[in-house]
């Protein structure tokens, strides 16, 4: 799905706006409330 996503958008980077990243990181933290582990999605590495 990641490969398809970039191919369909001429490989343009998707996460260039700070607000989008802030929302993504908040959403990844929030999946703990679903019983999922945010580290499955590399939350610490993305925050770093």
ModelCIF file with pLDDT and N, C-alpha, C, O atoms, coordinates in Angstrom:
data_MODEL
#
_entry.id   MODEL 
#
_entity.id                         1 
_entity.type                       polymer 
_entity.pdbx_number_of_molecules   1 
#
_entity_poly.entity_id                      1 
_entity_poly.type                           'polypeptide(L)' 
_entity_poly.nstd_linkage                   no 
_entity_poly.nstd_monomer                   no 
_entity_poly.pdbx_seq_one_letter_code       
;(UNK)(UNK)(UNK)(UNK)(UNK)(UNK)(UNK)(UNK)(UNK)(UNK)(UNK)(UNK)(UNK)(UNK)(UNK)(UNK)
(UNK)(UNK)(UNK)(UNK)(UNK)(UNK)(UNK)(UNK)(UNK)(UNK)(UNK)(UNK)(UNK)(UNK)(UNK)(UNK)
(UNK)(UNK)(UNK)(UNK)(UNK)(UNK)(UNK)(UNK)(UNK)(UNK)(UNK)(UNK)(UNK)(UNK)(UNK)(UNK)
;
_entity_poly.pdbx_seq_one_letter_code_can   XXXXXXXXXXXXXXXXXXXXXXXXXXXXXXXXXXXXXXXXXXXXXXXX 
_entity_poly.pdbx_strand_id                 A 
#
loop_
_entity_poly_seq.entity_id 
_entity_poly_seq.num 
_entity_poly_seq.mon_id 
_entity_poly_seq.hetero 
1 1  UNK n 
1 2  UNK n 
1 3  UNK n 
1 4  UNK n 
1 5  UNK n 
1 6  UNK n 
1 7  UNK n 
1 8  UNK n 
1 9  UNK n 
1 10 UNK n 
1 11 UNK n 
1 12 UNK n 
1 13 UNK n 
1 14 UNK n 
1 15 UNK n 
1 16 UNK n 
1 17 UNK n 
1 18 UNK n 
1 19 UNK n 
1 20 UNK n 
1 21 UNK n 
1 22 UNK n 
1 23 UNK n 
1 24 UNK n 
1 25 UNK n 
1 26 UNK n 
1 27 UNK n 
1 28 UNK n 
1 29 UNK n 
1 30 UNK n 
1 31 UNK n 
1 32 UNK n 
1 33 UNK n 
1 34 UNK n 
1 35 UNK n 
1 36 UNK n 
1 37 UNK n 
1 38 UNK n 
1 39 UNK n 
1 40 UNK n 
1 41 UNK n 
1 42 UNK n 
1 43 UNK n 
1 44 UNK n 
1 45 UNK n 
1 46 UNK n 
1 47 UNK n 
1 48 UNK n 
#
_struct_asym.id          A 
_struct_asym.entity_id   1 
#
loop_
_ma_qa_metric.id 
_ma_qa_metric.mode 
_ma_qa_metric.name 
_ma_qa_metric.software_group_id 
_ma_qa_metric.type 
1 global pLDDT . pLDDT 
2 local  pLDDT . pLDDT 
#
_ma_qa_metric_global.metric_id      1 
_ma_qa_metric_global.metric_value   96.42 
_ma_qa_metric_global.model_id       1 
_ma_qa_metric_global.ordinal_id     1 
#
loop_
_ma_qa_metric_local.label_asym_id 
_ma_qa_metric_local.label_comp_id 
_ma_qa_metric_local.label_seq_id 
_ma_qa_metric_local.metric_id 
_ma_qa_metric_local.metric_value 
_ma_qa_metric_local.model_id 
_ma_qa_metric_local.ordinal_id 
A UNK 1  2 94.00 1 1  
A UNK 2  2 96.00 1 2  
A UNK 3  2 95.00 1 3  
A UNK 4  2 95.00 1 4  
A UNK 5  2 96.00 1 5  
A UNK 6  2 96.00 1 6  
A UNK 7  2 95.00 1 7  
A UNK 8  2 94.00 1 8  
A UNK 9  2 93.00 1 9  
A UNK 10 2 94.00 1 10 
A UNK 11 2 96.00 1 11 
A UNK 12 2 96.00 1 12 
A UNK 13 2 96.00 1 13 
A UNK 14 2 96.00 1 14 
A UNK 15 2 96.00 1 15 
A UNK 16 2 94.00 1 16 
A UNK 17 2 94.00 1 17 
A UNK 18 2 95.00 1 18 
A UNK 19 2 95.00 1 19 
A UNK 20 2 96.00 1 20 
A UNK 21 2 97.00 1 21 
A UNK 22 2 97.00 1 22 
A UNK 23 2 97.00 1 23 
A UNK 24 2 98.00 1 24 
A UNK 25 2 98.00 1 25 
A UNK 26 2 98.00 1 26 
A UNK 27 2 98.00 1 27 
A UNK 28 2 98.00 1 28 
A UNK 29 2 98.00 1 29 
A UNK 30 2 98.00 1 30 
A UNK 31 2 98.00 1 31 
A UNK 32 2 98.00 1 32 
A UNK 33 2 98.00 1 33 
A UNK 34 2 98.00 1 34 
A UNK 35 2 98.00 1 35 
A UNK 36 2 98.00 1 36 
A UNK 37 2 98.00 1 37 
A UNK 38 2 98.00 1 38 
A UNK 39 2 97.00 1 39 
A UNK 40 2 97.00 1 40 
A UNK 41 2 97.00 1 41 
A UNK 42 2 96.00 1 42 
A UNK 43 2 97.00 1 43 
A UNK 44 2 96.00 1 44 
A UNK 45 2 95.00 1 45 
A UNK 46 2 97.00 1 46 
A UNK 47 2 97.00 1 47 
A UNK 48 2 96.00 1 48 
#
loop_
_atom_site.group_PDB 
_atom_site.id 
_atom_site.type_symbol 
_atom_site.label_atom_id 
_atom_site.label_alt_id 
_atom_site.label_comp_id 
_atom_site.label_asym_id 
_atom_site.label_entity_id 
_atom_site.label_seq_id 
_atom_site.pdbx_PDB_ins_code 
_atom_site.Cartn_x 
_atom_site.Cartn_y 
_atom_site.Cartn_z 
_atom_site.occupancy 
_atom_site.B_iso_or_equiv 
_atom_site.pdbx_formal_charge 
_atom_site.auth_seq_id 
_atom_site.auth_comp_id 
_atom_site.auth_asym_id 
_atom_site.auth_atom_id 
_atom_site.pdbx_PDB_model_num 
ATOM 1   N N  . UNK A 1 1  ? 0.829  -1.204 0.000  1.00 94.00 ? 1  UNK A N  1 
ATOM 2   C CA . UNK A 1 1  ? 0.000  0.000  0.000  1.00 94.00 ? 1  UNK A CA 1 
ATOM 3   C C  . UNK A 1 1  ? 0.864  1.255  0.000  1.00 94.00 ? 1  UNK A C  1 
ATOM 4   O O  . UNK A 1 1  ? 0.520  2.245  -0.646 1.00 94.00 ? 1  UNK A O  1 
ATOM 5   N N  . UNK A 1 2  ? 1.994  1.222  0.725  1.00 96.00 ? 2  UNK A N  1 
ATOM 6   C CA . UNK A 1 2  ? 2.889  2.382  0.754  1.00 96.00 ? 2  UNK A CA 1 
ATOM 7   C C  . UNK A 1 2  ? 3.473  2.631  -0.634 1.00 96.00 ? 2  UNK A C  1 
ATOM 8   O O  . UNK A 1 2  ? 3.528  3.772  -1.092 1.00 96.00 ? 2  UNK A O  1 
ATOM 9   N N  . UNK A 1 3  ? 3.908  1.566  -1.301 1.00 95.00 ? 3  UNK A N  1 
ATOM 10  C CA . UNK A 1 3  ? 4.450  1.717  -2.652 1.00 95.00 ? 3  UNK A CA 1 
ATOM 11  C C  . UNK A 1 3  ? 3.397  2.308  -3.590 1.00 95.00 ? 3  UNK A C  1 
ATOM 12  O O  . UNK A 1 3  ? 3.690  3.222  -4.361 1.00 95.00 ? 3  UNK A O  1 
ATOM 13  N N  . UNK A 1 4  ? 2.185  1.788  -3.521 1.00 95.00 ? 4  UNK A N  1 
ATOM 14  C CA . UNK A 1 4  ? 1.113  2.309  -4.383 1.00 95.00 ? 4  UNK A CA 1 
ATOM 15  C C  . UNK A 1 4  ? 0.823  3.772  -4.069 1.00 95.00 ? 4  UNK A C  1 
ATOM 16  O O  . UNK A 1 4  ? 0.609  4.580  -4.973 1.00 95.00 ? 4  UNK A O  1 
ATOM 17  N N  . UNK A 1 5  ? 0.817  4.103  -2.789 1.00 96.00 ? 5  UNK A N  1 
ATOM 18  C CA . UNK A 1 5  ? 0.514  5.475  -2.378 1.00 96.00 ? 5  UNK A CA 1 
ATOM 19  C C  . UNK A 1 5  ? 1.467  6.465  -3.047 1.00 96.00 ? 5  UNK A C  1 
ATOM 20  O O  . UNK A 1 5  ? 1.032  7.484  -3.583 1.00 96.00 ? 5  UNK A O  1 
ATOM 21  N N  . UNK A 1 6  ? 2.755  6.168  -3.016 1.00 96.00 ? 6  UNK A N  1 
ATOM 22  C CA . UNK A 1 6  ? 3.726  7.107  -3.583 1.00 96.00 ? 6  UNK A CA 1 
ATOM 23  C C  . UNK A 1 6  ? 3.717  7.083  -5.111 1.00 96.00 ? 6  UNK A C  1 
ATOM 24  O O  . UNK A 1 6  ? 3.880  8.123  -5.750 1.00 96.00 ? 6  UNK A O  1 
ATOM 25  N N  . UNK A 1 7  ? 3.530  5.912  -5.690 1.00 95.00 ? 7  UNK A N  1 
ATOM 26  C CA . UNK A 1 7  ? 3.493  5.845  -7.153 1.00 95.00 ? 7  UNK A CA 1 
ATOM 27  C C  . UNK A 1 7  ? 2.332  6.656  -7.717 1.00 95.00 ? 7  UNK A C  1 
ATOM 28  O O  . UNK A 1 7  ? 2.448  7.266  -8.780 1.00 95.00 ? 7  UNK A O  1 
ATOM 29  N N  . UNK A 1 8  ? 1.216  6.658  -7.000 1.00 94.00 ? 8  UNK A N  1 
ATOM 30  C CA . UNK A 1 8  ? 0.048  7.394  -7.478 1.00 94.00 ? 8  UNK A CA 1 
ATOM 31  C C  . UNK A 1 8  ? 0.203  8.903  -7.320 1.00 94.00 ? 8  UNK A C  1 
ATOM 32  O O  . UNK A 1 8  ? -0.607 9.663  -7.851 1.00 94.00 ? 8  UNK A O  1 
ATOM 33  N N  . UNK A 1 9  ? 1.230  9.349  -6.597 1.00 93.00 ? 9  UNK A N  1 
ATOM 34  C CA . UNK A 1 9  ? 1.418  10.783 -6.361 1.00 93.00 ? 9  UNK A CA 1 
ATOM 35  C C  . UNK A 1 9  ? 2.807  11.238 -6.805 1.00 93.00 ? 9  UNK A C  1 
ATOM 36  O O  . UNK A 1 9  ? 3.360  12.197 -6.266 1.00 93.00 ? 9  UNK A O  1 
ATOM 37  N N  . UNK A 1 10 ? 3.370  10.531 -7.803 1.00 94.00 ? 10 UNK A N  1 
ATOM 38  C CA . UNK A 1 10 ? 4.684  10.868 -8.365 1.00 94.00 ? 10 UNK A CA 1 
ATOM 39  C C  . UNK A 1 10 ? 5.751  10.991 -7.275 1.00 94.00 ? 10 UNK A C  1 
ATOM 40  O O  . UNK A 1 10 ? 6.634  11.846 -7.352 1.00 94.00 ? 10 UNK A O  1 
ATOM 41  N N  . UNK A 1 11 ? 5.660  10.123 -6.258 1.00 96.00 ? 11 UNK A N  1 
ATOM 42  C CA . UNK A 1 11 ? 6.680  9.976  -5.227 1.00 96.00 ? 11 UNK A CA 1 
ATOM 43  C C  . UNK A 1 11 ? 6.883  11.234 -4.386 1.00 96.00 ? 11 UNK A C  1 
ATOM 44  O O  . UNK A 1 11 ? 7.903  11.384 -3.714 1.00 96.00 ? 11 UNK A O  1 
ATOM 45  N N  . UNK A 1 12 ? 5.902  12.137 -4.430 1.00 96.00 ? 12 UNK A N  1 
ATOM 46  C CA . UNK A 1 12 ? 6.022  13.368 -3.649 1.00 96.00 ? 12 UNK A CA 1 
ATOM 47  C C  . UNK A 1 12 ? 5.969  13.046 -2.161 1.00 96.00 ? 12 UNK A C  1 
ATOM 48  O O  . UNK A 1 12 ? 5.168  12.204 -1.754 1.00 96.00 ? 12 UNK A O  1 
ATOM 49  N N  . UNK A 1 13 ? 6.785  13.680 -1.342 1.00 96.00 ? 13 UNK A N  1 
ATOM 50  C CA . UNK A 1 13 ? 6.688  13.451 0.112  1.00 96.00 ? 13 UNK A CA 1 
ATOM 51  C C  . UNK A 1 13 ? 5.334  13.919 0.627  1.00 96.00 ? 13 UNK A C  1 
ATOM 52  O O  . UNK A 1 13 ? 4.790  14.917 0.154  1.00 96.00 ? 13 UNK A O  1 
ATOM 53  N N  . UNK A 1 14 ? 4.798  13.194 1.594  1.00 96.00 ? 14 UNK A N  1 
ATOM 54  C CA . UNK A 1 14 ? 3.436  13.453 2.071  1.00 96.00 ? 14 UNK A CA 1 
ATOM 55  C C  . UNK A 1 14 ? 3.405  14.253 3.361  1.00 96.00 ? 14 UNK A C  1 
ATOM 56  O O  . UNK A 1 14 ? 2.410  14.920 3.644  1.00 96.00 ? 14 UNK A O  1 
ATOM 57  N N  . UNK A 1 15 ? 4.490  14.200 4.163  1.00 96.00 ? 15 UNK A N  1 
ATOM 58  C CA . UNK A 1 15 ? 4.440  14.738 5.520  1.00 96.00 ? 15 UNK A CA 1 
ATOM 59  C C  . UNK A 1 15 ? 5.353  15.953 5.632  1.00 96.00 ? 15 UNK A C  1 
ATOM 60  O O  . UNK A 1 15 ? 6.358  15.934 6.343  1.00 96.00 ? 15 UNK A O  1 
ATOM 61  N N  . UNK A 1 16 ? 4.985  16.996 4.922  1.00 94.00 ? 16 UNK A N  1 
ATOM 62  C CA . UNK A 1 16 ? 5.809  18.204 4.885  1.00 94.00 ? 16 UNK A CA 1 
ATOM 63  C C  . UNK A 1 16 ? 5.260  19.314 5.762  1.00 94.00 ? 16 UNK A C  1 
ATOM 64  O O  . UNK A 1 16 ? 5.961  20.291 6.025  1.00 94.00 ? 16 UNK A O  1 
ATOM 65  N N  . UNK A 1 17 ? 4.008  19.185 6.226  1.00 94.00 ? 17 UNK A N  1 
ATOM 66  C CA . UNK A 1 17 ? 3.410  20.241 7.048  1.00 94.00 ? 17 UNK A CA 1 
ATOM 67  C C  . UNK A 1 17 ? 3.411  19.815 8.507  1.00 94.00 ? 17 UNK A C  1 
ATOM 68  O O  . UNK A 1 17 ? 2.975  18.709 8.824  1.00 94.00 ? 17 UNK A O  1 
ATOM 69  N N  . UNK A 1 18 ? 3.892  20.669 9.398  1.00 95.00 ? 18 UNK A N  1 
ATOM 70  C CA . UNK A 1 18 ? 3.961  20.302 10.828 1.00 95.00 ? 18 UNK A CA 1 
ATOM 71  C C  . UNK A 1 18 ? 2.609  19.884 11.403 1.00 95.00 ? 18 UNK A C  1 
ATOM 72  O O  . UNK A 1 18 ? 2.546  18.973 12.229 1.00 95.00 ? 18 UNK A O  1 
ATOM 73  N N  . UNK A 1 19 ? 1.532  20.534 10.978 1.00 95.00 ? 19 UNK A N  1 
ATOM 74  C CA . UNK A 1 19 ? 0.223  20.193 11.535 1.00 95.00 ? 19 UNK A CA 1 
ATOM 75  C C  . UNK A 1 19 ? -0.188 18.773 11.218 1.00 95.00 ? 19 UNK A C  1 
ATOM 76  O O  . UNK A 1 19 ? -0.766 18.092 12.066 1.00 95.00 ? 19 UNK A O  1 
ATOM 77  N N  . UNK A 1 20 ? 0.100  18.310 10.005 1.00 96.00 ? 20 UNK A N  1 
ATOM 78  C CA . UNK A 1 20 ? -0.237 16.935 9.639  1.00 96.00 ? 20 UNK A CA 1 
ATOM 79  C C  . UNK A 1 20 ? 0.532  15.947 10.497 1.00 96.00 ? 20 UNK A C  1 
ATOM 80  O O  . UNK A 1 20 ? -0.021 14.945 10.950 1.00 96.00 ? 20 UNK A O  1 
ATOM 81  N N  . UNK A 1 21 ? 1.819  16.233 10.721 1.00 97.00 ? 21 UNK A N  1 
ATOM 82  C CA . UNK A 1 21 ? 2.630  15.336 11.549 1.00 97.00 ? 21 UNK A CA 1 
ATOM 83  C C  . UNK A 1 21 ? 2.140  15.320 12.992 1.00 97.00 ? 21 UNK A C  1 
ATOM 84  O O  . UNK A 1 21 ? 2.087  14.267 13.628 1.00 97.00 ? 21 UNK A O  1 
ATOM 85  N N  . UNK A 1 22 ? 1.784  16.492 13.503 1.00 97.00 ? 22 UNK A N  1 
ATOM 86  C CA . UNK A 1 22 ? 1.276  16.539 14.878 1.00 97.00 ? 22 UNK A CA 1 
ATOM 87  C C  . UNK A 1 22 ? 0.023  15.681 15.018 1.00 97.00 ? 22 UNK A C  1 
ATOM 88  O O  . UNK A 1 22 ? -0.127 14.954 16.000 1.00 97.00 ? 22 UNK A O  1 
ATOM 89  N N  . UNK A 1 23 ? -0.874 15.763 14.039 1.00 97.00 ? 23 UNK A N  1 
ATOM 90  C CA . UNK A 1 23 ? -2.095 14.956 14.086 1.00 97.00 ? 23 UNK A CA 1 
ATOM 91  C C  . UNK A 1 23 ? -1.771 13.469 13.993 1.00 97.00 ? 23 UNK A C  1 
ATOM 92  O O  . UNK A 1 23 ? -2.375 12.653 14.689 1.00 97.00 ? 23 UNK A O  1 
ATOM 93  N N  . UNK A 1 24 ? -0.818 13.118 13.132 1.00 98.00 ? 24 UNK A N  1 
ATOM 94  C CA . UNK A 1 24 ? -0.450 11.703 12.997 1.00 98.00 ? 24 UNK A CA 1 
ATOM 95  C C  . UNK A 1 24 ? 0.114  11.162 14.302 1.00 98.00 ? 24 UNK A C  1 
ATOM 96  O O  . UNK A 1 24 ? -0.289 10.091 14.757 1.00 98.00 ? 24 UNK A O  1 
ATOM 97  N N  . UNK A 1 25 ? 1.043  11.893 14.907 1.00 98.00 ? 25 UNK A N  1 
ATOM 98  C CA . UNK A 1 25 ? 1.656  11.409 16.144 1.00 98.00 ? 25 UNK A CA 1 
ATOM 99  C C  . UNK A 1 25 ? 0.625  11.296 17.261 1.00 98.00 ? 25 UNK A C  1 
ATOM 100 O O  . UNK A 1 25 ? 0.664  10.354 18.052 1.00 98.00 ? 25 UNK A O  1 
ATOM 101 N N  . UNK A 1 26 ? -0.303 12.260 17.327 1.00 98.00 ? 26 UNK A N  1 
ATOM 102 C CA . UNK A 1 26 ? -1.358 12.185 18.335 1.00 98.00 ? 26 UNK A CA 1 
ATOM 103 C C  . UNK A 1 26 ? -2.258 10.983 18.090 1.00 98.00 ? 26 UNK A C  1 
ATOM 104 O O  . UNK A 1 26 ? -2.659 10.301 19.033 1.00 98.00 ? 26 UNK A O  1 
ATOM 105 N N  . UNK A 1 27 ? -2.576 10.722 16.825 1.00 98.00 ? 27 UNK A N  1 
ATOM 106 C CA . UNK A 1 27 ? -3.437 9.577  16.497 1.00 98.00 ? 27 UNK A CA 1 
ATOM 107 C C  . UNK A 1 27 ? -2.739 8.263  16.817 1.00 98.00 ? 27 UNK A C  1 
ATOM 108 O O  . UNK A 1 27 ? -3.380 7.317  17.273 1.00 98.00 ? 27 UNK A O  1 
ATOM 109 N N  . UNK A 1 28 ? -1.425 8.196  16.581 1.00 98.00 ? 28 UNK A N  1 
ATOM 110 C CA . UNK A 1 28 ? -0.699 6.970  16.901 1.00 98.00 ? 28 UNK A CA 1 
ATOM 111 C C  . UNK A 1 28 ? -0.625 6.749  18.404 1.00 98.00 ? 28 UNK A C  1 
ATOM 112 O O  . UNK A 1 28 ? -0.715 5.613  18.872 1.00 98.00 ? 28 UNK A O  1 
ATOM 113 N N  . UNK A 1 29 ? -0.462 7.830  19.165 1.00 98.00 ? 29 UNK A N  1 
ATOM 114 C CA . UNK A 1 29 ? -0.495 7.669  20.633 1.00 98.00 ? 29 UNK A CA 1 
ATOM 115 C C  . UNK A 1 29 ? -1.870 7.169  21.077 1.00 98.00 ? 29 UNK A C  1 
ATOM 116 O O  . UNK A 1 29 ? -1.977 6.367  22.005 1.00 98.00 ? 29 UNK A O  1 
ATOM 117 N N  . UNK A 1 30 ? -2.907 7.643  20.416 1.00 98.00 ? 30 UNK A N  1 
ATOM 118 C CA . UNK A 1 30 ? -4.278 7.340  20.825 1.00 98.00 ? 30 UNK A CA 1 
ATOM 119 C C  . UNK A 1 30 ? -4.686 5.896  20.546 1.00 98.00 ? 30 UNK A C  1 
ATOM 120 O O  . UNK A 1 30 ? -5.655 5.419  21.137 1.00 98.00 ? 30 UNK A O  1 
ATOM 121 N N  . UNK A 1 31 ? -3.980 5.181  19.662 1.00 98.00 ? 31 UNK A N  1 
ATOM 122 C CA . UNK A 1 31 ? -4.379 3.790  19.408 1.00 98.00 ? 31 UNK A CA 1 
ATOM 123 C C  . UNK A 1 31 ? -4.152 2.915  20.632 1.00 98.00 ? 31 UNK A C  1 
ATOM 124 O O  . UNK A 1 31 ? -4.668 1.799  20.696 1.00 98.00 ? 31 UNK A O  1 
ATOM 125 N N  . UNK A 1 32 ? -3.387 3.405  21.605 1.00 98.00 ? 32 UNK A N  1 
ATOM 126 C CA . UNK A 1 32 ? -3.287 2.661  22.866 1.00 98.00 ? 32 UNK A CA 1 
ATOM 127 C C  . UNK A 1 32 ? -4.660 2.505  23.500 1.00 98.00 ? 32 UNK A C  1 
ATOM 128 O O  . UNK A 1 32 ? -4.923 1.517  24.186 1.00 98.00 ? 32 UNK A O  1 
ATOM 129 N N  . UNK A 1 33 ? -5.539 3.481  23.270 1.00 98.00 ? 33 UNK A N  1 
ATOM 130 C CA . UNK A 1 33 ? -6.895 3.393  23.781 1.00 98.00 ? 33 UNK A CA 1 
ATOM 131 C C  . UNK A 1 33 ? -7.736 2.350  23.088 1.00 98.00 ? 33 UNK A C  1 
ATOM 132 O O  . UNK A 1 33 ? -8.834 2.035  23.548 1.00 98.00 ? 33 UNK A O  1 
ATOM 133 N N  . UNK A 1 34 ? -7.242 1.803  21.979 1.00 98.00 ? 34 UNK A N  1 
ATOM 134 C CA . UNK A 1 34 ? -7.901 0.710  21.269 1.00 98.00 ? 34 UNK A CA 1 
ATOM 135 C C  . UNK A 1 34 ? -7.297 -0.643 21.631 1.00 98.00 ? 34 UNK A C  1 
ATOM 136 O O  . UNK A 1 34 ? -7.655 -1.668 21.051 1.00 98.00 ? 34 UNK A O  1 
ATOM 137 N N  . UNK A 1 35 ? -6.376 -0.636 22.596 1.00 98.00 ? 35 UNK A N  1 
ATOM 138 C CA . UNK A 1 35 ? -5.704 -1.880 22.968 1.00 98.00 ? 35 UNK A CA 1 
ATOM 139 C C  . UNK A 1 35 ? -4.565 -2.245 22.049 1.00 98.00 ? 35 UNK A C  1 
ATOM 140 O O  . UNK A 1 35 ? -4.018 -3.343 22.155 1.00 98.00 ? 35 UNK A O  1 
ATOM 141 N N  . UNK A 1 36 ? -4.191 -1.353 21.146 1.00 98.00 ? 36 UNK A N  1 
ATOM 142 C CA . UNK A 1 36 ? -3.056 -1.578 20.250 1.00 98.00 ? 36 UNK A CA 1 
ATOM 143 C C  . UNK A 1 36 ? -1.804 -0.935 20.830 1.00 98.00 ? 36 UNK A C  1 
ATOM 144 O O  . UNK A 1 36 ? -1.886 -0.114 21.744 1.00 98.00 ? 36 UNK A O  1 
ATOM 145 N N  . UNK A 1 37 ? -0.644 -1.312 20.297 1.00 98.00 ? 37 UNK A N  1 
ATOM 146 C CA . UNK A 1 37 ? 0.627  -0.798 20.796 1.00 98.00 ? 37 UNK A CA 1 
ATOM 147 C C  . UNK A 1 37 ? 1.157  0.261  19.825 1.00 98.00 ? 37 UNK A C  1 
ATOM 148 O O  . UNK A 1 37 ? 1.478  -0.074 18.685 1.00 98.00 ? 37 UNK A O  1 
ATOM 149 N N  . UNK A 1 38 ? 1.258  1.530  20.243 1.00 98.00 ? 38 UNK A N  1 
ATOM 150 C CA . UNK A 1 38 ? 1.772  2.561  19.335 1.00 98.00 ? 38 UNK A CA 1 
ATOM 151 C C  . UNK A 1 38 ? 3.150  2.251  18.770 1.00 98.00 ? 38 UNK A C  1 
ATOM 152 O O  . UNK A 1 38 ? 3.508  2.745  17.701 1.00 98.00 ? 38 UNK A O  1 
ATOM 153 N N  . UNK A 1 39 ? 3.922  1.439  19.478 1.00 97.00 ? 39 UNK A N  1 
ATOM 154 C CA . UNK A 1 39 ? 5.260  1.117  18.969 1.00 97.00 ? 39 UNK A CA 1 
ATOM 155 C C  . UNK A 1 39 ? 5.216  0.185  17.758 1.00 97.00 ? 39 UNK A C  1 
ATOM 156 O O  . UNK A 1 39 ? 6.205  0.062  17.035 1.00 97.00 ? 39 UNK A O  1 
ATOM 157 N N  . UNK A 1 40 ? 4.075  -0.472 17.531 1.00 97.00 ? 40 UNK A N  1 
ATOM 158 C CA . UNK A 1 40 ? 3.936  -1.243 16.294 1.00 97.00 ? 40 UNK A CA 1 
ATOM 159 C C  . UNK A 1 40 ? 4.021  -0.345 15.067 1.00 97.00 ? 40 UNK A C  1 
ATOM 160 O O  . UNK A 1 40 ? 4.260  -0.816 13.955 1.00 97.00 ? 40 UNK A O  1 
ATOM 161 N N  . UNK A 1 41 ? 3.821  0.952  15.281 1.00 97.00 ? 41 UNK A N  1 
ATOM 162 C CA . UNK A 1 41 ? 3.819  1.908  14.177 1.00 97.00 ? 41 UNK A CA 1 
ATOM 163 C C  . UNK A 1 41 ? 5.000  2.874  14.299 1.00 97.00 ? 41 UNK A C  1 
ATOM 164 O O  . UNK A 1 41 ? 5.004  3.948  13.697 1.00 97.00 ? 41 UNK A O  1 
ATOM 165 N N  . UNK A 1 42 ? 5.996  2.475  15.085 1.00 96.00 ? 42 UNK A N  1 
ATOM 166 C CA . UNK A 1 42 ? 7.227  3.244  15.185 1.00 96.00 ? 42 UNK A CA 1 
ATOM 167 C C  . UNK A 1 42 ? 7.055  4.607  15.813 1.00 96.00 ? 42 UNK A C  1 
ATOM 168 O O  . UNK A 1 42 ? 7.737  5.551  15.413 1.00 96.00 ? 42 UNK A O  1 
ATOM 169 N N  . UNK A 1 43 ? 6.159  4.748  16.792 1.00 97.00 ? 43 UNK A N  1 
ATOM 170 C CA . UNK A 1 43 ? 5.887  6.060  17.355 1.00 97.00 ? 43 UNK A CA 1 
ATOM 171 C C  . UNK A 1 43 ? 7.154  6.707  17.923 1.00 97.00 ? 43 UNK A C  1 
ATOM 172 O O  . UNK A 1 43 ? 7.418  7.878  17.651 1.00 97.00 ? 43 UNK A O  1 
ATOM 173 N N  . UNK A 1 44 ? 7.933  5.971  18.698 1.00 96.00 ? 44 UNK A N  1 
ATOM 174 C CA . UNK A 1 44 ? 9.130  6.557  19.316 1.00 96.00 ? 44 UNK A CA 1 
ATOM 175 C C  . UNK A 1 44 ? 10.111 7.033  18.259 1.00 96.00 ? 44 UNK A C  1 
ATOM 176 O O  . UNK A 1 44 ? 10.693 8.110  18.387 1.00 96.00 ? 44 UNK A O  1 
ATOM 177 N N  . UNK A 1 45 ? 10.296 6.234  17.213 1.00 95.00 ? 45 UNK A N  1 
ATOM 178 C CA . UNK A 1 45 ? 11.232 6.618  16.155 1.00 95.00 ? 45 UNK A CA 1 
ATOM 179 C C  . UNK A 1 45 ? 10.734 7.851  15.404 1.00 95.00 ? 45 UNK A C  1 
ATOM 180 O O  . UNK A 1 45 ? 11.523 8.735  15.070 1.00 95.00 ? 45 UNK A O  1 
ATOM 181 N N  . UNK A 1 46 ? 9.446  7.913  15.139 1.00 97.00 ? 46 UNK A N  1 
ATOM 182 C CA . UNK A 1 46 ? 8.893  9.084  14.458 1.00 97.00 ? 46 UNK A CA 1 
ATOM 183 C C  . UNK A 1 46 ? 9.024  10.334 15.327 1.00 97.00 ? 46 UNK A C  1 
ATOM 184 O O  . UNK A 1 46 ? 9.320  11.417 14.822 1.00 97.00 ? 46 UNK A O  1 
ATOM 185 N N  . UNK A 1 47 ? 8.804  10.182 16.629 1.00 97.00 ? 47 UNK A N  1 
ATOM 186 C CA . UNK A 1 47 ? 8.964  11.332 17.517 1.00 97.00 ? 47 UNK A CA 1 
ATOM 187 C C  . UNK A 1 47 ? 10.425 11.777 17.575 1.00 97.00 ? 47 UNK A C  1 
ATOM 188 O O  . UNK A 1 47 ? 10.721 12.971 17.636 1.00 97.00 ? 47 UNK A O  1 
ATOM 189 N N  . UNK A 1 48 ? 11.328 10.802 17.555 1.00 96.00 ? 48 UNK A N  1 
ATOM 190 C CA . UNK A 1 48 ? 12.759 11.145 17.602 1.00 96.00 ? 48 UNK A CA 1 
ATOM 191 C C  . UNK A 1 48 ? 13.182 11.904 16.349 1.00 96.00 ? 48 UNK A C  1 
ATOM 192 O O  . UNK A 1 48 ? 14.349 12.274 16.215 1.00 96.00 ? 48 UNK A O  1 
#
